[in-house]
Amino acid sequence: MFVCCSLLSAMAAAMPVCYHGAISKKDCEELLGRKNKDGAYLIRDSETIQGAMCLCVYKQRVVYTYRLLQTHSGHYTLLASGGLQETSFKTLEDLIHHYKRRNQGLAIHLRHSVKRKTAMLIQSQRQPEPEAVPQRQPAPQRQPAPQREHPPAPEEDHDYENAPDLSEYVEVLPS
């Protein structure tokens, strides 16, 4: 199990800081809208194609989404539309570097990375510590609590650099 966990941690560490993992399209649009800069971008997991990722780029209140696929050889490619030659990149960092240049086929070149705030690490579930019981009283009989796979996340706990300000709303897509 040590090898497996080490491998997963190494894979998470190899991802660029603009990779946000399995966030929704809506959350992505909100993050980019709060950045509110043309050329802001992030990478997230695709909600529709397992194993694919999306490069999401902000331009004039619109989020453009480009599909990223990893080839069998481990290289990354951006699915191009209409006449653009698909280019293969060894790493996501190489892909990002390429699309930071102007006129590479995106709606706008990549300019402002929206970084995730915390490291993406695989965390093992830990059992809660037993409660301390005074020595003079016998420990009460308790039924074990049912185990949950994942504890519910508090609504106000945000892991992103651009944590929401609940007092204002940013419209990302044109009405």
C-alpha atoms as a PDB file:
ATOM      1  CA  MET A   1       0.000   0.000   0.000  1.00  0.00           C
ATOM      2  CA  PHE A   2       2.940   2.353   0.626  1.00  0.00           C
ATOM      3  CA  VAL A   3       3.965   2.150  -3.034  1.00  0.00           C
ATOM      4  CA  CYS A   4       0.403   2.884  -4.166  1.00  0.00           C
ATOM      5  CA  CYS A   5       0.012   5.911  -1.882  1.00  0.00           C
ATOM      6  CA  SER A   6       3.462   7.210  -2.841  1.00  0.00           C
ATOM      7  CA  LEU A   7       2.612   6.871  -6.517  1.00  0.00           C
ATOM      8  CA  LEU A   8      -0.704   8.722  -6.084  1.00  0.00           C
ATOM      9  CA  SER A   9       0.980  11.481  -4.102  1.00  0.00           C
ATOM     10  CA  ALA A  10       3.664  11.823  -6.769  1.00  0.00           C
ATOM     11  CA  MET A  11       0.992  12.022  -9.472  1.00  0.00           C
ATOM     12  CA  ALA A  12      -0.873  14.738  -7.545  1.00  0.00           C
ATOM     13  CA  ALA A  13       2.360  16.662  -7.024  1.00  0.00           C
ATOM     14  CA  ALA A  14       3.150  16.451 -10.757  1.00  0.00           C
ATOM     15  CA  MET A  15      -0.034  18.301 -11.724  1.00  0.00           C
ATOM     16  CA  PRO A  16       0.307  22.057 -12.304  1.00  0.00           C
ATOM     17  CA  VAL A  17      -1.076  24.394  -9.634  1.00  0.00           C
ATOM     18  CA  CYS A  18      -3.793  25.524 -12.054  1.00  0.00           C
ATOM     19  CA  TYR A  19      -5.232  21.967 -11.952  1.00  0.00           C
ATOM     20  CA  HIS A  20      -8.319  21.951  -9.734  1.00  0.00           C
ATOM     21  CA  GLY A  21      -9.373  18.333 -10.087  1.00  0.00           C
ATOM     22  CA  ALA A  22     -13.032  17.364 -10.067  1.00  0.00           C
ATOM     23  CA  ILE A  23     -14.685  20.756  -9.721  1.00  0.00           C
ATOM     24  CA  SER A  24     -17.940  21.379 -11.537  1.00  0.00           C
ATOM     25  CA  LYS A  25     -18.326  23.533 -14.632  1.00  0.00           C
ATOM     26  CA  LYS A  26     -20.343  25.996 -12.528  1.00  0.00           C
ATOM     27  CA  ASP A  27     -17.615  26.236  -9.839  1.00  0.00           C
ATOM     28  CA  CYS A  28     -15.010  26.696 -12.567  1.00  0.00           C
ATOM     29  CA  GLU A  29     -16.983  29.542 -14.126  1.00  0.00           C
ATOM     30  CA  GLU A  30     -17.379  31.199 -10.725  1.00  0.00           C
ATOM     31  CA  LEU A  31     -13.624  30.993 -10.025  1.00  0.00           C
ATOM     32  CA  LEU A  32     -12.730  32.458 -13.404  1.00  0.00           C
ATOM     33  CA  GLY A  33     -15.435  35.112 -13.066  1.00  0.00           C
ATOM     34  CA  ARG A  34     -14.046  36.229  -9.709  1.00  0.00           C
ATOM     35  CA  LYS A  35     -10.593  36.540 -11.275  1.00  0.00           C
ATOM     36  CA  ASN A  36     -12.303  38.687 -13.952  1.00  0.00           C
ATOM     37  CA  LYS A  37      -9.229  38.945 -16.197  1.00  0.00           C
ATOM     38  CA  ASP A  38      -9.118  38.102 -19.884  1.00  0.00           C
ATOM     39  CA  GLY A  39      -6.767  35.151 -20.328  1.00  0.00           C
ATOM     40  CA  ALA A  40      -7.462  33.699 -16.844  1.00  0.00           C
ATOM     41  CA  TYR A  41      -7.377  29.906 -17.019  1.00  0.00           C
ATOM     42  CA  LEU A  42      -7.541  26.690 -15.044  1.00  0.00           C
ATOM     43  CA  ILE A  43      -7.637  22.967 -15.724  1.00  0.00           C
ATOM     44  CA  ARG A  44     -10.328  20.717 -14.281  1.00  0.00           C
ATOM     45  CA  ASP A  45     -11.521  17.149 -14.764  1.00  0.00           C
ATOM     46  CA  SER A  46     -14.184  16.651 -17.416  1.00  0.00           C
ATOM     47  CA  GLU A  47     -17.658  15.981 -16.045  1.00  0.00           C
ATOM     48  CA  THR A  48     -18.732  14.084 -19.171  1.00  0.00           C
ATOM     49  CA  ILE A  49     -15.702  12.065 -20.306  1.00  0.00           C
ATOM     50  CA  GLN A  50     -13.949   9.974 -17.680  1.00  0.00           C
ATOM     51  CA  GLY A  51     -10.179  10.473 -17.767  1.00  0.00           C
ATOM     52  CA  ALA A  52     -10.376  13.650 -19.843  1.00  0.00           C
ATOM     53  CA  MET A  53      -9.652  17.159 -18.578  1.00  0.00           C
ATOM     54  CA  CYS A  54     -10.789  20.610 -19.620  1.00  0.00           C
ATOM     55  CA  LEU A  55      -8.725  23.738 -20.150  1.00  0.00           C
ATOM     56  CA  CYS A  56     -11.085  26.603 -19.267  1.00  0.00           C
ATOM     57  CA  VAL A  57     -10.205  30.127 -20.418  1.00  0.00           C
ATOM     58  CA  TYR A  58     -11.964  33.404 -19.554  1.00  0.00           C
ATOM     59  CA  LYS A  59     -12.480  36.150 -22.133  1.00  0.00           C
ATOM     60  CA  GLN A  60     -14.935  39.046 -21.852  1.00  0.00           C
ATOM     61  CA  ARG A  61     -17.233  37.332 -19.320  1.00  0.00           C
ATOM     62  CA  VAL A  62     -17.337  34.089 -21.339  1.00  0.00           C
ATOM     63  CA  VAL A  63     -15.620  30.842 -20.346  1.00  0.00           C
ATOM     64  CA  TYR A  64     -14.247  28.842 -23.270  1.00  0.00           C
ATOM     65  CA  THR A  65     -13.709  25.147 -22.580  1.00  0.00           C
ATOM     66  CA  TYR A  66     -11.211  23.001 -24.467  1.00  0.00           C
ATOM     67  CA  ARG A  67     -10.993  19.228 -24.019  1.00  0.00           C
ATOM     68  CA  LEU A  68      -7.609  17.786 -23.013  1.00  0.00           C
ATOM     69  CA  LEU A  69      -6.887  14.113 -23.573  1.00  0.00           C
ATOM     70  CA  GLN A  70      -3.937  12.005 -22.534  1.00  0.00           C
ATOM     71  CA  THR A  71      -2.653   9.623 -25.186  1.00  0.00           C
ATOM     72  CA  HIS A  72      -1.575   6.038 -24.572  1.00  0.00           C
ATOM     73  CA  SER A  73       2.031   7.233 -24.561  1.00  0.00           C
ATOM     74  CA  GLY A  74       1.226   9.666 -21.717  1.00  0.00           C
ATOM     75  CA  HIS A  75       1.356  12.826 -23.825  1.00  0.00           C
ATOM     76  CA  TYR A  76      -1.369  15.476 -23.660  1.00  0.00           C
ATOM     77  CA  THR A  77      -3.280  16.907 -26.582  1.00  0.00           C
ATOM     78  CA  LEU A  78      -5.877  19.641 -26.848  1.00  0.00           C
ATOM     79  CA  LEU A  79      -8.768  18.664 -29.098  1.00  0.00           C
ATOM     80  CA  ALA A  80      -8.686  21.185 -31.884  1.00  0.00           C
ATOM     81  CA  SER A  81     -11.566  22.342 -34.042  1.00  0.00           C
ATOM     82  CA  GLY A  82     -11.729  23.251 -37.687  1.00  0.00           C
ATOM     83  CA  GLY A  83      -8.403  22.929 -39.396  1.00  0.00           C
ATOM     84  CA  LEU A  84      -6.090  23.352 -36.406  1.00  0.00           C
ATOM     85  CA  GLN A  85      -3.309  20.828 -36.215  1.00  0.00           C
ATOM     86  CA  GLU A  86      -3.366  18.818 -33.005  1.00  0.00           C
ATOM     87  CA  THR A  87      -0.114  19.105 -31.121  1.00  0.00           C
ATOM     88  CA  SER A  88       1.086  16.612 -28.538  1.00  0.00           C
ATOM     89  CA  PHE A  89       2.832  17.721 -25.335  1.00  0.00           C
ATOM     90  CA  LYS A  90       4.914  15.663 -22.916  1.00  0.00           C
ATOM     91  CA  THR A  91       3.478  17.441 -19.834  1.00  0.00           C
ATOM     92  CA  LEU A  92       0.604  19.751 -18.974  1.00  0.00           C
ATOM     93  CA  GLU A  93       3.199  22.422 -18.162  1.00  0.00           C
ATOM     94  CA  ASP A  94       4.486  22.161 -21.755  1.00  0.00           C
ATOM     95  CA  LEU A  95       0.931  22.496 -23.076  1.00  0.00           C
ATOM     96  CA  ILE A  96       0.301  25.566 -20.900  1.00  0.00           C
ATOM     97  CA  HIS A  97       3.593  27.139 -21.986  1.00  0.00           C
ATOM     98  CA  HIS A  98       2.653  26.633 -25.651  1.00  0.00           C
ATOM     99  CA  TYR A  99      -0.803  28.206 -25.290  1.00  0.00           C
ATOM    100  CA  LYS A 100       0.610  31.232 -23.452  1.00  0.00           C
ATOM    101  CA  ARG A 101       1.809  32.379 -26.878  1.00  0.00           C
ATOM    102  CA  ARG A 102      -0.577  34.411 -29.010  1.00  0.00           C
ATOM    103  CA  ASN A 103      -2.428  33.011 -32.027  1.00  0.00           C
ATOM    104  CA  GLN A 104      -2.264  29.325 -31.105  1.00  0.00           C
ATOM    105  CA  GLY A 105      -5.949  28.659 -31.773  1.00  0.00           C
ATOM    106  CA  LEU A 106      -7.573  29.501 -28.421  1.00  0.00           C
ATOM    107  CA  ALA A 107     -10.115  32.293 -27.966  1.00  0.00           C
ATOM    108  CA  ILE A 108      -7.332  34.146 -26.112  1.00  0.00           C
ATOM    109  CA  HIS A 109      -3.825  33.141 -25.081  1.00  0.00           C
ATOM    110  CA  LEU A 110      -3.309  31.938 -21.507  1.00  0.00           C
ATOM    111  CA  ARG A 111      -2.271  34.804 -19.228  1.00  0.00           C
ATOM    112  CA  HIS A 112      -3.433  34.426 -15.606  1.00  0.00           C
ATOM    113  CA  SER A 113      -3.338  31.055 -13.873  1.00  0.00           C
ATOM    114  CA  VAL A 114      -6.095  30.496 -11.307  1.00  0.00           C
ATOM    115  CA  LYS A 115      -4.168  28.475  -8.753  1.00  0.00           C
ATOM    116  CA  ARG A 116      -5.671  26.020  -6.321  1.00  0.00           C
ATOM    117  CA  LYS A 117      -5.053  27.156  -2.792  1.00  0.00           C
ATOM    118  CA  THR A 118      -4.200  23.813  -1.197  1.00  0.00           C
ATOM    119  CA  ALA A 119      -2.093  20.882  -2.320  1.00  0.00           C
ATOM    120  CA  MET A 120      -4.024  17.994  -3.802  1.00  0.00           C
ATOM    121  CA  LEU A 121      -2.940  15.108  -1.643  1.00  0.00           C
ATOM    122  CA  ILE A 122      -4.522  11.721  -1.194  1.00  0.00           C
ATOM    123  CA  GLN A 123      -5.527  11.548   2.448  1.00  0.00           C
ATOM    124  CA  SER A 124      -6.285   8.303   4.212  1.00  0.00           C
ATOM    125  CA  GLN A 125      -9.339   8.190   6.433  1.00  0.00           C
ATOM    126  CA  ARG A 126      -8.377   8.226  10.091  1.00  0.00           C
ATOM    127  CA  GLN A 127     -10.484   6.833  12.867  1.00  0.00           C
ATOM    128  CA  PRO A 128     -11.485   9.427  15.476  1.00  0.00           C
ATOM    129  CA  GLU A 129      -9.552   9.413  18.726  1.00  0.00           C
ATOM    130  CA  PRO A 130     -11.418   7.720  21.619  1.00  0.00           C
ATOM    131  CA  GLU A 131     -12.902  10.127  24.134  1.00  0.00           C
ATOM    132  CA  ALA A 132     -11.090  10.459  27.446  1.00  0.00           C
ATOM    133  CA  VAL A 133     -13.077   8.893  30.295  1.00  0.00           C
ATOM    134  CA  PRO A 134     -12.503   9.870  33.935  1.00  0.00           C
ATOM    135  CA  GLN A 135     -10.954   7.019  35.902  1.00  0.00           C
ATOM    136  CA  ARG A 136     -13.576   7.005  38.665  1.00  0.00           C
ATOM    137  CA  GLN A 137     -16.529   6.432  36.332  1.00  0.00           C
ATOM    138  CA  PRO A 138     -17.035   3.318  34.223  1.00  0.00           C
ATOM    139  CA  ALA A 139     -16.989   3.908  30.479  1.00  0.00           C
ATOM    140  CA  PRO A 140     -20.530   4.139  29.074  1.00  0.00           C
ATOM    141  CA  GLN A 141     -21.716   1.485  26.645  1.00  0.00           C
ATOM    142  CA  ARG A 142     -21.975   2.989  23.184  1.00  0.00           C
ATOM    143  CA  GLN A 143     -22.982   1.650  19.811  1.00  0.00           C
ATOM    144  CA  PRO A 144     -20.420   2.299  17.097  1.00  0.00           C
ATOM    145  CA  ALA A 145     -21.383   5.155  14.809  1.00  0.00           C
ATOM    146  CA  PRO A 146     -22.112   4.215  11.201  1.00  0.00           C
ATOM    147  CA  GLN A 147     -19.114   4.863   8.969  1.00  0.00           C
ATOM    148  CA  ARG A 148     -19.429   7.407   6.163  1.00  0.00           C
ATOM    149  CA  GLU A 149     -17.231   7.294   3.083  1.00  0.00           C
ATOM    150  CA  HIS A 150     -16.731  11.054   3.048  1.00  0.00           C
ATOM    151  CA  PRO A 151     -17.790  13.531   5.733  1.00  0.00           C
ATOM    152  CA  PRO A 152     -19.983  16.334   4.389  1.00  0.00           C
ATOM    153  CA  ALA A 153     -17.939  19.397   3.487  1.00  0.00           C
ATOM    154  CA  PRO A 154     -18.939  22.630   5.198  1.00  0.00           C
ATOM    155  CA  GLU A 155     -20.464  25.031   2.691  1.00  0.00           C
ATOM    156  CA  GLU A 156     -18.209  27.892   3.756  1.00  0.00           C
ATOM    157  CA  ASP A 157     -14.928  25.954   3.608  1.00  0.00           C
ATOM    158  CA  HIS A 158     -13.293  26.877   0.286  1.00  0.00           C
ATOM    159  CA  ASP A 159      -9.958  25.591  -0.937  1.00  0.00           C
ATOM    160  CA  TYR A 160      -9.494  28.146  -3.641  1.00  0.00           C
ATOM    161  CA  GLU A 161      -7.348  31.202  -3.894  1.00  0.00           C
ATOM    162  CA  ASN A 162     -10.386  33.216  -4.934  1.00  0.00           C
ATOM    163  CA  ALA A 163     -12.756  32.263  -2.109  1.00  0.00           C
ATOM    164  CA  PRO A 164     -16.244  33.628  -2.782  1.00  0.00           C
ATOM    165  CA  ASP A 165     -17.494  36.845  -1.330  1.00  0.00           C
ATOM    166  CA  LEU A 166     -21.085  35.918  -0.587  1.00  0.00           C
ATOM    167  CA  SER A 167     -22.213  39.538  -0.816  1.00  0.00           C
ATOM    168  CA  GLU A 168     -21.662  39.915  -4.552  1.00  0.00           C
ATOM    169  CA  TYR A 169     -22.462  37.860  -7.613  1.00  0.00           C
ATOM    170  CA  VAL A 170     -20.358  37.811 -10.744  1.00  0.00           C
ATOM    171  CA  GLU A 171     -22.115  36.920 -13.977  1.00  0.00           C
ATOM    172  CA  VAL A 172     -19.769  34.818 -16.059  1.00  0.00           C
ATOM    173  CA  LEU A 173     -21.789  33.990 -19.146  1.00  0.00           C
ATOM    174  CA  PRO A 174     -23.662  36.589 -21.212  1.00  0.00           C
ATOM    175  CA  SER A 175     -27.383  36.720 -20.627  1.00  0.00           C
END
